[in-house]
């Protein structure tokens, strides 16, 4: 598993905290043994000494209570996950699973339990041949950890209550969208980027050795492999694609170099069992679209959540529209094009958004007007003609759908008026 994906793994931070707790316990026990009979002066007066029996009782109470609190916290998290899955969509559950706050809280409670357990096993009565040993420093640290865990519990209650709010969830998804836009469609093109089109020369393909969703493509590794083998690689698979073993990942020119770069190509493409928004901009957009669609369902009927989702989409898509389409060629040190990468055209993202609007938002004027405003903002900001034409085409489709709708005529005419205003604004900006 790549380090970049550890944030999506729920167990990583709790495991790290648990190991840290074990190391801390052993270290403090060692310190206690080293200073067992020493006079610590003023520092010794700060230690609370209760003997072997009292220390066992304290550590047992701390360990047992922390395990119970961890179980309760986990139950609360599972309940929130179920609520989020049914309300906002199962794809948004990932946001709760990789939430650092949830991981830290459960990891802290588990780490405190492990710490108390390790210290408890080191206590010896006077009946032991080695004599009585009570790790007073470690026991006092356990008490401090228990007090801190109370504060962590209060934080957890506040955090979990805030995490299921629409504004919090949509803001997190929006930040992922903005991040992937900046990564894949930056304002300034990479220094080694050049405009390029795939050559029409003879080529060979390299197939995948595994199945799953493409999570990322290491373009730097592919460029290095192409340069070392003296060929050009044309990337066909992009993050978000589902690939079956044997399906094509790249095309290699000339074909006789395909075997030379096959291993490097397979290593450069990272697969997973589910899509993530870090390199997959379509998935990042679809998360907010799904939030809007579910909010418009009859069972939820919350058009203001959809309104908020369309506004969050504007935060990522409007800056993207202001930037020219990225150059797909990558050159080596000799300024020879060795790699042609792939990027999702913005017109496809526009289709994902406004096809859903046309289908699900016709009976929700609050959401529809917000979607029309989104189209207007993208159309005005667009620097590419294809993007502007796509927006105008989808506005025309929505207008036709509104005309054919059997809903309230007042709302229909209002939305059609907003569409006309958006069209005029876009045409004026062009």
Protein backbone atom coordinates (compact mmCIF):
# COMPACT_ATOMS: atom_id res chain seq x y z
CA UNK A 1 0.00 0.00 0.00
CA UNK A 2 1.35 3.42 -0.97
CA UNK A 3 1.96 5.99 1.76
CA UNK A 4 -0.28 8.49 -0.03
CA UNK A 5 -3.26 6.20 0.61
CA UNK A 6 -2.74 5.71 4.35
CA UNK A 7 -5.08 8.62 5.11
CA UNK A 8 -7.92 6.51 3.70
CA UNK A 9 -7.12 3.61 6.04
CA UNK A 10 -9.04 3.83 9.29
CA UNK A 11 -6.65 1.65 11.28
CA UNK A 12 -3.35 3.42 10.53
CA UNK A 13 -3.47 6.27 13.07
CA UNK A 14 -4.96 4.12 15.88
CA UNK A 15 -2.26 1.53 15.22
CA UNK A 16 0.46 4.21 15.37
CA UNK A 17 -0.95 5.55 18.64
CA UNK A 18 -1.20 2.04 20.07
CA UNK A 19 2.43 1.27 19.24
CA UNK A 20 3.46 4.62 20.74
CA UNK A 21 1.59 3.75 23.92
CA UNK A 22 3.39 0.42 24.21
CA UNK A 23 6.77 2.08 23.68
CA UNK A 24 5.96 4.82 26.22
CA UNK A 25 4.88 2.25 28.81
CA UNK A 26 8.06 0.22 28.43
CA UNK A 27 10.21 3.36 28.53
CA UNK A 28 8.60 4.66 31.72
CA UNK A 29 8.82 1.23 33.36
CA UNK A 30 12.54 1.24 32.54
CA UNK A 31 12.86 4.72 34.08
CA UNK A 32 10.97 3.56 37.16
CA UNK A 33 13.31 0.62 37.59
CA UNK A 34 16.33 2.87 37.18
CA UNK A 35 15.11 5.28 39.88
CA UNK A 36 13.29 2.75 42.05
CA UNK A 37 15.27 3.43 45.21
CA UNK A 38 16.57 6.89 44.32
CA UNK A 39 15.56 10.07 46.10
CA UNK A 40 13.87 12.29 43.51
CA UNK A 41 13.65 15.29 45.83
CA UNK A 42 10.97 17.80 44.90
CA UNK A 43 10.00 15.77 41.83
CA UNK A 44 9.40 12.73 44.02
CA UNK A 45 6.92 14.71 46.10
CA UNK A 46 4.78 15.22 43.01
CA UNK A 47 4.31 11.48 42.54
CA UNK A 48 1.16 9.93 43.96
CA UNK A 49 2.22 6.63 45.58
CA UNK A 50 -0.51 4.15 46.47
CA UNK A 51 1.43 0.91 46.60
CA UNK A 52 1.03 -2.22 44.54
CA UNK A 53 -2.63 -2.88 45.35
CA UNK A 54 -3.72 0.71 44.84
CA UNK A 55 -1.80 0.98 41.57
CA UNK A 56 -3.49 -2.17 40.27
CA UNK A 57 -6.90 -0.75 41.15
CA UNK A 58 -6.16 2.57 39.42
CA UNK A 59 -4.77 0.95 36.27
CA UNK A 60 -7.60 -1.56 36.16
CA UNK A 61 -10.19 1.20 36.43
CA UNK A 62 -8.47 3.26 33.73
CA UNK A 63 -8.03 0.33 31.37
CA UNK A 64 -11.58 -0.95 31.79
CA UNK A 65 -13.20 2.45 31.43
CA UNK A 66 -11.12 3.36 28.37
CA UNK A 67 -12.10 0.13 26.65
CA UNK A 68 -15.78 0.80 27.41
CA UNK A 69 -15.54 4.39 26.17
CA UNK A 70 -13.75 3.26 23.00
CA UNK A 71 -16.52 0.74 22.31
CA UNK A 72 -19.17 3.41 22.87
CA UNK A 73 -17.35 5.87 20.62
CA UNK A 74 -17.08 3.22 17.93
CA UNK A 75 -20.82 2.55 18.19
CA UNK A 76 -21.53 6.26 17.78
CA UNK A 77 -19.27 6.40 14.73
CA UNK A 78 -21.01 3.41 13.14
CA UNK A 79 -24.40 5.06 13.77
CA UNK A 80 -23.21 8.25 12.11
CA UNK A 81 -21.86 6.24 9.17
CA UNK A 82 -25.24 4.59 8.70
CA UNK A 83 -26.97 7.97 8.79
CA UNK A 84 -24.52 9.53 6.35
CA UNK A 85 -24.78 6.56 3.97
CA UNK A 86 -28.57 6.68 3.80
CA UNK A 87 -28.83 10.48 3.65
CA UNK A 88 -25.88 11.65 1.56
CA UNK A 89 -24.83 8.50 -0.28
CA UNK A 90 -22.49 5.58 0.42
CA UNK A 91 -19.57 7.21 -1.42
CA UNK A 92 -19.41 9.95 1.20
CA UNK A 93 -18.82 7.39 3.97
CA UNK A 94 -15.14 7.54 2.99
CA UNK A 95 -15.04 11.07 4.42
CA UNK A 96 -15.90 9.72 7.85
CA UNK A 97 -13.53 6.78 7.61
CA UNK A 98 -10.50 8.93 6.82
CA UNK A 99 -11.47 11.72 9.21
CA UNK A 100 -8.41 12.32 11.37
CA UNK A 101 -10.54 13.39 14.32
CA UNK A 102 -12.39 10.07 14.49
CA UNK A 103 -9.18 8.12 14.04
CA UNK A 104 -7.41 10.13 16.73
CA UNK A 105 -10.19 9.72 19.28
CA UNK A 106 -10.55 5.96 18.92
CA UNK A 107 -6.79 5.59 18.74
CA UNK A 108 -6.31 7.62 21.93
CA UNK A 109 -8.78 5.52 23.93
CA UNK A 110 -7.25 2.30 22.63
CA UNK A 111 -3.73 3.53 23.28
CA UNK A 112 -4.60 4.47 26.87
CA UNK A 113 -6.02 0.98 27.43
CA UNK A 114 -2.86 -0.65 26.07
CA UNK A 115 -0.68 1.66 28.16
CA UNK A 116 -2.57 0.79 31.36
CA UNK A 117 -2.40 -2.91 30.53
CA UNK A 118 1.37 -2.88 29.96
CA UNK A 119 2.05 -0.93 33.15
CA UNK A 120 -0.30 -3.18 35.14
CA UNK A 121 1.60 -6.32 34.18
CA UNK A 122 4.87 -4.87 35.50
CA UNK A 123 3.68 -4.41 39.10
CA UNK A 124 5.21 -6.93 41.52
CA UNK A 125 4.29 -7.73 45.12
CA UNK A 126 6.80 -8.15 47.92
CA UNK A 127 6.27 -11.93 47.73
CA UNK A 128 8.16 -12.02 44.43
CA UNK A 129 11.82 -13.02 44.67
CA UNK A 130 12.93 -9.77 43.06
CA UNK A 131 11.03 -7.77 45.66
CA UNK A 132 8.17 -5.33 45.33
CA UNK A 133 8.14 -3.06 42.30
CA UNK A 134 5.59 -0.35 41.63
CA UNK A 135 6.22 1.88 38.59
CA UNK A 136 4.98 5.07 40.28
CA UNK A 137 5.99 7.35 37.41
CA UNK A 138 4.17 5.19 34.87
CA UNK A 139 1.08 4.96 37.10
CA UNK A 140 0.93 8.74 37.49
CA UNK A 141 1.28 9.18 33.74
CA UNK A 142 -1.67 6.79 33.33
CA UNK A 143 -3.75 9.08 35.56
CA UNK A 144 -2.74 12.08 33.44
CA UNK A 145 -3.70 10.21 30.27
CA UNK A 146 -7.09 9.36 31.78
CA UNK A 147 -7.73 13.04 32.53
CA UNK A 148 -6.74 13.99 28.98
CA UNK A 149 -9.05 11.30 27.63
CA UNK A 150 -11.99 13.04 29.27
CA UNK A 151 -11.16 16.13 27.23
CA UNK A 152 -10.82 13.94 24.14
CA UNK A 153 -14.28 12.50 24.78
CA UNK A 154 -15.79 15.99 24.96
CA UNK A 155 -14.02 16.87 21.70
CA UNK A 156 -15.35 13.70 20.07
CA UNK A 157 -18.97 14.47 20.95
CA UNK A 158 -18.62 17.96 19.50
CA UNK A 159 -16.74 16.70 16.45
CA UNK A 160 -19.13 13.90 15.56
CA UNK A 161 -22.12 16.21 15.93
CA UNK A 162 -20.56 18.75 13.59
CA UNK A 163 -19.34 16.21 11.05
CA UNK A 164 -22.85 15.16 10.01
CA UNK A 165 -23.94 18.71 9.26
CA UNK A 166 -24.44 19.43 5.57
CA UNK A 167 -22.17 22.46 5.61
CA UNK A 168 -19.29 20.51 7.16
CA UNK A 169 -19.63 17.55 4.82
CA UNK A 170 -20.02 19.62 1.66
CA UNK A 171 -17.07 21.83 2.63
CA UNK A 172 -14.86 18.77 2.98
CA UNK A 173 -15.93 17.41 -0.41
CA UNK A 174 -15.46 20.87 -1.94
CA UNK A 175 -11.91 21.08 -0.61
CA UNK A 176 -11.16 17.74 -2.28
CA UNK A 177 -12.56 19.06 -5.56
CA UNK A 178 -10.49 22.24 -5.37
CA UNK A 179 -7.37 20.21 -4.56
CA UNK A 180 -7.77 17.85 -7.52
CA UNK A 181 -8.49 20.77 -9.88
CA UNK A 182 -5.27 22.48 -8.76
CA UNK A 183 -3.35 19.21 -9.18
CA UNK A 184 -4.60 18.15 -12.61
CA UNK A 185 -5.49 21.53 -14.13
CA UNK A 186 -3.00 24.00 -12.63
CA UNK A 187 -2.91 27.67 -13.52
CA UNK A 188 0.70 27.31 -14.66
CA UNK A 189 1.60 24.35 -16.84
CA UNK A 190 4.53 22.12 -15.81
CA UNK A 191 7.85 23.20 -17.29
CA UNK A 192 8.16 20.00 -19.31
CA UNK A 193 4.64 20.17 -20.77
CA UNK A 194 4.12 20.71 -24.47
CA UNK A 195 1.07 20.60 -26.75
CA UNK A 196 0.99 17.16 -28.30
CA UNK A 197 -1.33 14.81 -30.14
CA UNK A 198 -0.98 11.03 -30.34
CA UNK A 199 1.04 10.03 -33.41
CA UNK A 200 -0.55 7.92 -36.11
CA UNK A 201 2.46 5.64 -36.34
CA UNK A 202 2.44 1.92 -35.59
CA UNK A 203 2.20 1.12 -31.89
CA UNK A 204 1.73 -1.66 -29.36
CA UNK A 205 -0.31 -1.75 -26.16
CA UNK A 206 0.60 -2.72 -22.61
CA UNK A 207 -2.11 -4.52 -20.65
CA UNK A 208 -2.83 -4.45 -16.96
CA UNK A 209 -1.67 -7.26 -14.67
CA UNK A 210 -4.47 -6.68 -12.17
CA UNK A 211 -8.08 -5.55 -11.97
CA UNK A 212 -9.66 -2.67 -10.12
CA UNK A 213 -10.11 1.08 -10.19
CA UNK A 214 -7.18 3.21 -11.31
CA UNK A 215 -6.29 5.46 -8.37
CA UNK A 216 -3.29 7.26 -9.80
CA UNK A 217 -0.77 7.18 -12.61
CA UNK A 218 2.86 8.03 -11.82
CA UNK A 219 3.58 10.23 -14.83
CA UNK A 220 7.15 10.95 -13.74
CA UNK A 221 7.95 7.23 -13.64
CA UNK A 222 6.43 6.72 -17.09
CA UNK A 223 8.42 9.63 -18.50
CA UNK A 224 11.63 8.21 -17.05
CA UNK A 225 10.88 4.76 -18.47
CA UNK A 226 10.10 6.17 -21.91
CA UNK A 227 13.29 8.22 -21.94
CA UNK A 228 15.49 5.31 -20.88
CA UNK A 229 13.97 3.01 -23.52
CA UNK A 230 13.89 5.60 -26.29
CA UNK A 231 10.17 5.42 -26.97
CA UNK A 232 6.99 7.40 -26.48
CA UNK A 233 4.19 6.31 -24.14
CA UNK A 234 0.61 7.38 -24.67
CA UNK A 235 -1.44 6.95 -21.49
CA UNK A 236 -4.96 5.63 -22.08
CA UNK A 237 -6.11 4.70 -18.56
CA UNK A 238 -6.88 7.56 -16.21
CA UNK A 239 -7.82 7.70 -12.52
CA UNK A 240 -11.38 6.54 -12.01
CA UNK A 241 -11.37 4.01 -14.85
CA UNK A 242 -12.23 0.43 -13.99
CA UNK A 243 -9.70 -1.88 -15.58
CA UNK A 244 -9.95 -5.64 -15.95
CA UNK A 245 -6.74 -7.68 -16.08
CA UNK A 246 -5.42 -7.64 -19.62
CA UNK A 247 -7.11 -4.40 -20.68
CA UNK A 248 -4.97 -1.64 -22.15
CA UNK A 249 -3.16 0.85 -19.93
CA UNK A 250 -0.89 2.61 -22.42
CA UNK A 251 0.10 2.61 -26.08
CA UNK A 252 3.82 2.49 -26.91
CA UNK A 253 5.52 3.94 -30.01
CA UNK A 254 7.40 2.17 -31.62
CA UNK A 255 5.80 -1.23 -30.89
CA UNK A 256 9.06 -3.12 -30.36
CA UNK A 257 9.68 -1.13 -27.16
CA UNK A 258 6.46 -2.24 -25.48
CA UNK A 259 8.04 -5.23 -23.72
CA UNK A 260 10.88 -3.05 -22.42
CA UNK A 261 8.55 -0.68 -20.59
CA UNK A 262 5.78 -3.13 -19.62
CA UNK A 263 6.96 -3.69 -16.04
CA UNK A 264 7.52 0.03 -15.44
CA UNK A 265 4.05 0.82 -16.77
CA UNK A 266 2.35 -1.70 -14.49
CA UNK A 267 4.24 -0.38 -11.46
CA UNK A 268 3.33 3.22 -12.32
CA UNK A 269 -0.42 2.56 -12.29
CA UNK A 270 -1.87 2.25 -8.80
CA UNK A 271 -5.07 0.23 -8.39
CA UNK A 272 -7.64 0.08 -5.60
CA UNK A 273 -11.02 -1.43 -4.80
CA UNK A 274 -12.82 1.91 -4.80
CA UNK A 275 -12.47 5.34 -6.36
CA UNK A 276 -10.91 8.27 -4.52
CA UNK A 277 -11.02 12.01 -5.32
CA UNK A 278 -7.29 12.70 -5.05
CA UNK A 279 -6.57 12.18 -8.80
CA UNK A 280 -10.09 11.40 -10.01
CA UNK A 281 -11.81 14.73 -10.67
CA UNK A 282 -14.95 13.06 -12.00
CA UNK A 283 -15.44 11.27 -8.69
CA UNK A 284 -14.90 14.52 -6.77
CA UNK A 285 -17.64 16.17 -8.86
CA UNK A 286 -19.96 13.18 -8.59
CA UNK A 287 -19.84 13.29 -4.80
CA UNK A 288 -21.40 16.77 -4.74
CA UNK A 289 -23.82 15.86 -7.54
CA UNK A 290 -24.94 12.81 -5.57
CA UNK A 291 -25.47 14.95 -2.48
CA UNK A 292 -27.71 17.25 -4.50
CA UNK A 293 -29.62 14.39 -6.15
CA UNK A 294 -30.30 12.62 -2.85
CA UNK A 295 -31.43 15.88 -1.29
CA UNK A 296 -34.01 16.22 -4.09
CA UNK A 297 -35.40 12.70 -3.63
CA UNK A 298 -39.00 12.47 -2.37
CA UNK A 299 -37.85 10.81 0.84
CA UNK A 300 -35.59 13.75 1.72
CA UNK A 301 -37.07 16.73 -0.14
CA UNK A 302 -34.38 19.20 0.91
CA UNK A 303 -33.76 21.57 -2.03
CA UNK A 304 -31.57 23.86 0.08
CA UNK A 305 -28.99 21.10 0.50
CA UNK A 306 -28.97 20.75 -3.29
CA UNK A 307 -28.63 24.53 -3.57
CA UNK A 308 -25.60 24.36 -1.28
CA UNK A 309 -24.07 21.49 -3.27
CA UNK A 310 -24.30 23.45 -6.55
CA UNK A 311 -22.64 26.43 -4.90
CA UNK A 312 -19.81 24.19 -3.71
CA UNK A 313 -19.42 22.85 -7.25
CA UNK A 314 -18.92 26.40 -8.46
CA UNK A 315 -15.94 26.77 -6.12
CA UNK A 316 -14.07 24.12 -8.07
CA UNK A 317 -15.50 24.32 -11.59
CA UNK A 318 -15.43 28.09 -12.11
CA UNK A 319 -11.65 28.41 -11.51
CA UNK A 320 -11.18 25.36 -13.73
CA UNK A 321 -13.14 27.06 -16.52
CA UNK A 322 -10.86 30.10 -16.28
CA UNK A 323 -7.82 27.98 -17.09
CA UNK A 324 -6.96 26.80 -20.60
CA UNK A 325 -7.01 23.09 -21.35
CA UNK A 326 -3.75 21.56 -20.10
CA UNK A 327 -1.00 20.56 -22.51
CA UNK A 328 -0.79 16.77 -22.54
CA UNK A 329 2.73 16.25 -23.89
CA UNK A 330 5.72 15.76 -21.59
CA UNK A 331 9.27 16.18 -22.87
CA UNK A 332 12.53 14.71 -21.63
CA UNK A 333 15.84 16.49 -21.06
CA UNK A 334 16.40 16.62 -24.84
CA UNK A 335 13.03 18.32 -25.37
CA UNK A 336 11.65 15.22 -27.10
CA UNK A 337 8.03 14.34 -26.38
CA UNK A 338 8.21 11.03 -24.54
CA UNK A 339 4.85 10.92 -22.77
CA UNK A 340 1.30 11.90 -23.61
CA UNK A 341 -0.89 12.01 -20.50
CA UNK A 342 -4.66 12.03 -20.33
CA UNK A 343 -7.05 14.48 -18.67
CA UNK A 344 -10.82 14.42 -18.48
CA UNK A 345 -12.31 17.18 -20.68
CA UNK A 346 -14.33 19.70 -18.74
CA UNK A 347 -17.24 19.15 -21.11
CA UNK A 348 -17.68 15.66 -19.62
CA UNK A 349 -17.85 17.09 -16.11
CA UNK A 350 -20.44 19.61 -17.28
CA UNK A 351 -22.49 16.74 -18.67
CA UNK A 352 -22.32 14.84 -15.36
CA UNK A 353 -23.65 17.86 -13.49
CA UNK A 354 -26.35 19.19 -15.78
CA UNK A 355 -27.71 15.85 -16.94
CA UNK A 356 -28.53 15.19 -13.29
CA UNK A 357 -30.02 18.69 -12.97
CA UNK A 358 -32.30 18.14 -15.95
CA UNK A 359 -33.54 14.81 -14.59
CA UNK A 360 -33.91 15.48 -10.86
CA UNK A 361 -34.27 19.24 -10.31
CA UNK A 362 -37.23 20.11 -12.56
CA UNK A 363 -39.70 20.07 -9.68
CA UNK A 364 -37.37 21.97 -7.30
CA UNK A 365 -37.09 25.64 -8.37
CA UNK A 366 -34.71 26.47 -5.52
CA UNK A 367 -32.22 23.88 -6.72
CA UNK A 368 -32.88 24.63 -10.40
CA UNK A 369 -32.13 28.35 -10.07
CA UNK A 370 -28.91 27.51 -8.22
CA UNK A 371 -27.92 25.11 -11.03
CA UNK A 372 -28.70 27.75 -13.66
CA UNK A 373 -26.51 30.20 -11.74
CA UNK A 374 -23.75 27.59 -11.72
CA UNK A 375 -24.06 27.28 -15.50
CA UNK A 376 -23.98 31.05 -15.87
CA UNK A 377 -20.85 31.40 -13.75
CA UNK A 378 -19.03 28.62 -15.62
CA UNK A 379 -20.09 30.01 -19.02
CA UNK A 380 -18.93 33.53 -18.20
CA UNK A 381 -15.60 32.30 -16.82
CA UNK A 382 -14.88 29.82 -19.63
CA UNK A 383 -11.88 30.56 -21.81
CA UNK A 384 -12.39 27.55 -24.08
CA UNK A 385 -15.11 27.68 -26.71
CA UNK A 386 -15.99 24.00 -26.19
CA UNK A 387 -16.85 24.63 -22.53
CA UNK A 388 -19.03 27.63 -23.34
CA UNK A 389 -20.86 25.74 -26.07
CA UNK A 390 -21.43 22.79 -23.74
CA UNK A 391 -22.99 25.11 -21.14
CA UNK A 392 -25.28 26.72 -23.71
CA UNK A 393 -26.30 23.31 -25.02
CA UNK A 394 -27.24 22.07 -21.54
CA UNK A 395 -29.14 25.27 -20.82
CA UNK A 396 -31.14 24.66 -23.99
CA UNK A 397 -31.87 21.08 -22.89
CA UNK A 398 -33.01 22.27 -19.46
CA UNK A 399 -35.17 24.93 -21.09
CA UNK A 400 -36.81 22.28 -23.27
CA UNK A 401 -37.37 20.04 -20.26
CA UNK A 402 -38.95 22.91 -18.32
CA UNK A 403 -41.23 23.70 -21.24
CA UNK A 404 -42.40 20.09 -21.41
CA UNK A 405 -42.83 19.82 -17.65
CA UNK A 406 -46.29 19.59 -16.11
CA UNK A 407 -45.27 21.31 -12.90
CA UNK A 408 -46.29 24.70 -11.54
CA UNK A 409 -46.33 27.18 -14.44
CA UNK A 410 -45.17 30.09 -12.31
CA UNK A 411 -42.01 28.22 -11.28
CA UNK A 412 -41.48 26.98 -14.84
CA UNK A 413 -41.67 30.47 -16.33
CA UNK A 414 -39.41 31.83 -13.61
CA UNK A 415 -36.75 29.19 -14.31
CA UNK A 416 -37.00 29.75 -18.06
CA UNK A 417 -36.50 33.46 -17.46
CA UNK A 418 -33.36 32.68 -15.44
CA UNK A 419 -32.12 30.52 -18.31
CA UNK A 420 -32.59 33.40 -20.77
CA UNK A 421 -30.69 35.75 -18.44
CA UNK A 422 -27.86 33.20 -18.13
CA UNK A 423 -27.67 32.79 -21.92
CA UNK A 424 -27.45 36.51 -22.49
CA UNK A 425 -24.75 36.91 -19.84
CA UNK A 426 -22.67 34.09 -21.36
CA UNK A 427 -23.03 35.39 -24.92
CA UNK A 428 -22.15 38.91 -23.78
CA UNK A 429 -19.02 37.66 -21.99
CA UNK A 430 -17.85 35.81 -25.10
